Amino acid sequence: MAAIANLTIDQGATFSSDVTVKDANNNAFDLTGYTAEAKMAKGYSSTRTRTSITCTIAADATTGVITLSLTADQTSALEEGRYVYDLEILQTSSSTITRVIEGIISVRPQVTT
C-alpha cells in the first residue's frame, strides 16, 4: 500500500519537493537499480489534465530520496485547484512497478497582471 503525502504547488513558481521512500520496517528504501515516475491529474481517470512530474533519485540511492519537480513554466500552465498524484518506482532488472506514494496536490493561484 502506498504512503499518503499531500503537496502544495504555487502557480507560476518553481516547485521542488523531496520525498523519502520507506520499506516495511520504516527504513529508507534502497533505490539502486530503480527509476521513478510521477504524474498528476485533476481526477483519477482524467486524461486532459494529466501532467508528468520530473523525478530525480538522489545521488546516494540508498537514502530512498526522490526529488519531485516542475519548472515555473509548467506550474504556470496548471489550473488552480485540487489534483491527485502518484509516484511509482520501476525495478529495472525485473520490470516490477510499485506505487510508493500518492496523495492530493493543491495548486494555489498566482496574481496575474
C-alpha atoms as a PDB file:
ATOM      1  CA  MET A   1       0.000   0.000   0.000  1.00  0.00           C
ATOM      2  CA  ALA A   2       1.336   3.416  -0.955  1.00  0.00           C
ATOM      3  CA  ALA A   3       2.102   6.089   1.627  1.00  0.00           C
ATOM      4  CA  ILE A   4      -0.003   9.259   1.568  1.00  0.00           C
ATOM      5  CA  ALA A   5       1.691  12.649   1.159  1.00  0.00           C
ATOM      6  CA  ASN A   6      -0.219  15.795   0.244  1.00  0.00           C
ATOM      7  CA  LEU A   7       1.616  18.641  -1.509  1.00  0.00           C
ATOM      8  CA  THR A   8       1.044  22.307  -2.387  1.00  0.00           C
ATOM      9  CA  ILE A   9       2.268  23.965  -5.585  1.00  0.00           C
ATOM     10  CA  ASP A  10       2.336  27.729  -6.097  1.00  0.00           C
ATOM     11  CA  GLN A  11       1.210  28.505  -9.637  1.00  0.00           C
ATOM     12  CA  GLY A  12       3.978  30.246 -11.627  1.00  0.00           C
ATOM     13  CA  ALA A  13       6.768  29.279  -9.196  1.00  0.00           C
ATOM     14  CA  THR A  14       9.435  26.608  -9.468  1.00  0.00           C
ATOM     15  CA  PHE A  15       8.324  23.561  -7.480  1.00  0.00           C
ATOM     16  CA  SER A  16      10.568  21.022  -5.764  1.00  0.00           C
ATOM     17  CA  SER A  17       9.815  18.539  -3.009  1.00  0.00           C
ATOM     18  CA  ASP A  18      11.889  15.679  -1.622  1.00  0.00           C
ATOM     19  CA  VAL A  19      10.075  12.507  -0.640  1.00  0.00           C
ATOM     20  CA  THR A  20      11.639   9.550   1.124  1.00  0.00           C
ATOM     21  CA  VAL A  21      10.552   6.056   0.167  1.00  0.00           C
ATOM     22  CA  LYS A  22      10.477   3.711   3.172  1.00  0.00           C
ATOM     23  CA  ASP A  23      10.471  -0.068   3.398  1.00  0.00           C
ATOM     24  CA  ALA A  24       8.115  -2.192   5.535  1.00  0.00           C
ATOM     25  CA  ASN A  25      10.343  -1.579   8.590  1.00  0.00           C
ATOM     26  CA  ASN A  26      10.181   2.215   8.099  1.00  0.00           C
ATOM     27  CA  ASN A  27      13.808   2.373   6.922  1.00  0.00           C
ATOM     28  CA  ALA A  28      14.978   4.247   3.821  1.00  0.00           C
ATOM     29  CA  PHE A  29      14.377   2.077   0.749  1.00  0.00           C
ATOM     30  CA  ASP A  30      17.484   1.447  -1.388  1.00  0.00           C
ATOM     31  CA  LEU A  31      16.589   2.782  -4.845  1.00  0.00           C
ATOM     32  CA  THR A  32      19.715   1.405  -6.539  1.00  0.00           C
ATOM     33  CA  GLY A  33      18.593  -0.112  -9.853  1.00  0.00           C
ATOM     34  CA  TYR A  34      15.267   1.754  -9.866  1.00  0.00           C
ATOM     35  CA  THR A  35      13.766   4.590 -11.873  1.00  0.00           C
ATOM     36  CA  ALA A  36      10.870   6.774 -10.719  1.00  0.00           C
ATOM     37  CA  GLU A  37       7.857   8.325 -12.423  1.00  0.00           C
ATOM     38  CA  ALA A  38       5.152  10.636 -11.082  1.00  0.00           C
ATOM     39  CA  LYS A  39       2.061  12.110 -12.648  1.00  0.00           C
ATOM     40  CA  MET A  40      -0.728  14.408 -11.553  1.00  0.00           C
ATOM     41  CA  ALA A  41      -4.230  14.984 -12.894  1.00  0.00           C
ATOM     42  CA  LYS A  42      -7.481  16.741 -11.994  1.00  0.00           C
ATOM     43  CA  GLY A  43      -9.062  13.331 -11.422  1.00  0.00           C
ATOM     44  CA  TYR A  44      -8.003   9.690 -11.401  1.00  0.00           C
ATOM     45  CA  SER A  45      -9.399   8.972 -14.864  1.00  0.00           C
ATOM     46  CA  SER A  46      -8.762  12.404 -16.384  1.00  0.00           C
ATOM     47  CA  THR A  47      -6.532  12.385 -19.454  1.00  0.00           C
ATOM     48  CA  ARG A  48      -6.980  16.038 -20.456  1.00  0.00           C
ATOM     49  CA  THR A  49      -5.305  17.475 -17.382  1.00  0.00           C
ATOM     50  CA  ARG A  50      -2.529  14.879 -16.904  1.00  0.00           C
ATOM     51  CA  THR A  51       0.935  16.310 -16.153  1.00  0.00           C
ATOM     52  CA  SER A  52       4.209  14.431 -15.731  1.00  0.00           C
ATOM     53  CA  ILE A  53       6.305  15.445 -12.742  1.00  0.00           C
ATOM     54  CA  THR A  54      10.096  15.253 -13.081  1.00  0.00           C
ATOM     55  CA  CYS A  55      11.571  12.653 -10.703  1.00  0.00           C
ATOM     56  CA  THR A  56      15.223  12.529  -9.697  1.00  0.00           C
ATOM     57  CA  ILE A  57      16.621   9.801  -7.461  1.00  0.00           C
ATOM     58  CA  ALA A  58      19.265  11.110  -5.060  1.00  0.00           C
ATOM     59  CA  ALA A  59      22.925  10.543  -5.967  1.00  0.00           C
ATOM     60  CA  ASP A  60      23.083   8.230  -2.942  1.00  0.00           C
ATOM     61  CA  ALA A  61      20.187   5.941  -3.883  1.00  0.00           C
ATOM     62  CA  THR A  62      20.398   4.162  -0.508  1.00  0.00           C
ATOM     63  CA  THR A  63      18.783   7.216   1.159  1.00  0.00           C
ATOM     64  CA  GLY A  64      15.453   6.486  -0.576  1.00  0.00           C
ATOM     65  CA  VAL A  65      15.084  10.155  -1.532  1.00  0.00           C
ATOM     66  CA  ILE A  66      13.320  11.156  -4.747  1.00  0.00           C
ATOM     67  CA  THR A  67      13.001  14.815  -5.731  1.00  0.00           C
ATOM     68  CA  LEU A  68       9.762  15.773  -7.475  1.00  0.00           C
ATOM     69  CA  SER A  69       9.985  18.980  -9.509  1.00  0.00           C
ATOM     70  CA  LEU A  70       8.218  21.227 -12.003  1.00  0.00           C
ATOM     71  CA  THR A  71       9.526  24.347 -13.738  1.00  0.00           C
ATOM     72  CA  ALA A  72       7.874  27.748 -13.305  1.00  0.00           C
ATOM     73  CA  ASP A  73       6.504  27.438 -16.866  1.00  0.00           C
ATOM     74  CA  GLN A  74       4.951  24.068 -16.008  1.00  0.00           C
ATOM     75  CA  THR A  75       3.279  25.360 -12.833  1.00  0.00           C
ATOM     76  CA  SER A  76       2.026  28.440 -14.720  1.00  0.00           C
ATOM     77  CA  ALA A  77       0.196  26.107 -17.093  1.00  0.00           C
ATOM     78  CA  LEU A  78      -1.638  24.383 -14.223  1.00  0.00           C
ATOM     79  CA  GLU A  79      -5.167  25.430 -13.350  1.00  0.00           C
ATOM     80  CA  GLU A  80      -5.670  26.326  -9.709  1.00  0.00           C
ATOM     81  CA  GLY A  81      -7.411  23.716  -7.618  1.00  0.00           C
ATOM     82  CA  ARG A  82      -7.126  20.140  -6.449  1.00  0.00           C
ATOM     83  CA  TYR A  83      -5.221  17.399  -8.259  1.00  0.00           C
ATOM     84  CA  VAL A  84      -4.400  13.788  -7.450  1.00  0.00           C
ATOM     85  CA  TYR A  85      -0.927  12.353  -7.978  1.00  0.00           C
ATOM     86  CA  ASP A  86       1.088   9.205  -7.568  1.00  0.00           C
ATOM     87  CA  LEU A  87       4.740   8.247  -7.557  1.00  0.00           C
ATOM     88  CA  GLU A  88       5.808   4.863  -8.864  1.00  0.00           C
ATOM     89  CA  ILE A  89       9.186   3.158  -8.897  1.00  0.00           C
ATOM     90  CA  LEU A  90      10.334   0.653 -11.512  1.00  0.00           C
ATOM     91  CA  GLN A  91      12.881  -2.022 -10.693  1.00  0.00           C
ATOM     92  CA  THR A  92      14.767  -2.113 -13.985  1.00  0.00           C
ATOM     93  CA  SER A  93      16.036  -5.710 -13.644  1.00  0.00           C
ATOM     94  CA  SER A  94      12.578  -7.241 -13.209  1.00  0.00           C
ATOM     95  CA  SER A  95      10.286  -4.559 -14.699  1.00  0.00           C
ATOM     96  CA  THR A  96       8.319  -4.570 -11.431  1.00  0.00           C
ATOM     97  CA  ILE A  97       6.366  -1.348 -10.873  1.00  0.00           C
ATOM     98  CA  THR A  98       5.356  -0.319  -7.350  1.00  0.00           C
ATOM     99  CA  ARG A  99       3.256   2.695  -6.353  1.00  0.00           C
ATOM    100  CA  VAL A 100       5.043   4.106  -3.307  1.00  0.00           C
ATOM    101  CA  ILE A 101       3.393   7.473  -2.640  1.00  0.00           C
ATOM    102  CA  GLU A 102       0.072   9.034  -3.578  1.00  0.00           C
ATOM    103  CA  GLY A 103      -1.970  11.990  -2.477  1.00  0.00           C
ATOM    104  CA  ILE A 104      -3.519  15.345  -3.241  1.00  0.00           C
ATOM    105  CA  ILE A 105      -1.768  18.343  -4.758  1.00  0.00           C
ATOM    106  CA  SER A 106      -3.310  21.757  -4.158  1.00  0.00           C
ATOM    107  CA  VAL A 107      -2.340  24.359  -6.764  1.00  0.00           C
ATOM    108  CA  ARG A 108      -2.554  27.885  -5.341  1.00  0.00           C
ATOM    109  CA  PRO A 109      -3.148  30.657  -7.902  1.00  0.00           C
ATOM    110  CA  GLN A 110      -0.730  33.444  -8.667  1.00  0.00           C
ATOM    111  CA  VAL A 111      -1.648  37.093  -9.075  1.00  0.00           C
ATOM    112  CA  THR A 112      -1.995  37.887 -12.763  1.00  0.00           C
ATOM    113  CA  THR A 113      -1.345  41.212 -14.428  1.00  0.00           C
END
